[in-house]
Protein backbone atom coordinates (compact mmCIF):
# COMPACT_ATOMS: atom_id res chain seq x y z
CA MET A 1 39.93 -212.71 -184.99
CA GLY A 2 36.50 -213.01 -186.70
CA VAL A 3 34.07 -213.07 -183.69
CA LYS A 4 31.03 -210.84 -183.64
CA THR A 5 30.92 -208.21 -180.51
CA ARG A 6 27.41 -209.23 -180.31
CA HIS A 7 28.54 -212.86 -179.19
CA VAL A 8 30.95 -211.85 -176.97
CA ARG A 9 28.74 -209.51 -175.00
CA LEU A 10 26.38 -211.84 -174.62
CA SER A 11 28.77 -214.91 -173.47
CA PHE A 12 29.95 -211.88 -170.62
CA ILE A 13 26.52 -211.40 -169.65
CA TYR A 14 25.60 -215.06 -169.70
CA LEU A 15 29.00 -215.58 -167.65
CA SER A 16 27.84 -212.75 -165.13
CA PHE A 17 24.58 -214.61 -164.55
CA LEU A 18 26.02 -217.54 -163.90
CA THR A 19 28.34 -216.29 -161.60
CA PHE A 20 26.06 -214.22 -159.40
CA GLY A 21 23.29 -217.07 -159.31
CA SER A 22 25.50 -219.81 -158.48
CA PRO A 23 26.03 -218.96 -155.08
CA ILE A 24 22.29 -218.77 -154.54
CA PHE A 25 21.46 -221.94 -156.22
CA ALA A 26 24.09 -223.40 -153.64
CA TYR A 27 22.39 -221.65 -151.14
CA LEU A 28 19.21 -223.12 -151.63
CA VAL A 29 20.53 -226.54 -151.93
CA LEU A 30 22.24 -226.17 -148.56
CA ILE A 31 19.09 -225.32 -146.87
CA PHE A 32 17.24 -228.35 -148.67
CA TRP A 33 19.80 -230.81 -147.45
CA ARG A 34 19.63 -229.39 -143.87
CA ARG A 35 15.67 -229.24 -143.67
CA HIS A 36 15.97 -233.35 -145.26
CA SER A 37 18.98 -234.56 -143.35
CA ARG A 38 16.78 -237.42 -141.89
CA ILE A 39 16.22 -238.65 -145.42
CA TRP A 40 19.92 -239.60 -145.86
CA LYS A 41 20.71 -240.98 -142.05
CA PRO A 42 18.48 -244.17 -141.11
CA TRP A 43 20.10 -244.03 -137.50
CA LEU A 44 17.98 -240.72 -136.81
CA TRP A 45 14.77 -242.47 -137.86
CA ARG A 46 12.57 -242.96 -134.70
CA GLY A 47 9.99 -245.28 -134.32
CA ARG A 48 11.70 -247.70 -136.99
CA LYS A 49 13.51 -250.80 -136.26
CA LEU A 50 15.61 -252.68 -139.24
CA GLU A 51 14.94 -256.03 -139.41
CA LEU A 52 17.00 -258.33 -140.89
């Protein structure tokens, strides 16, 4: 097929790091989102009144 075994092995290694690392990345994003949820919800801001 003309594909070197080195490239196939490296692609499998990179794919395994991607599949095992993605849940950790998603977990960190969810933690950040939960701890900073007031930034995206202006109705939860205390002490501020919206002036029109």
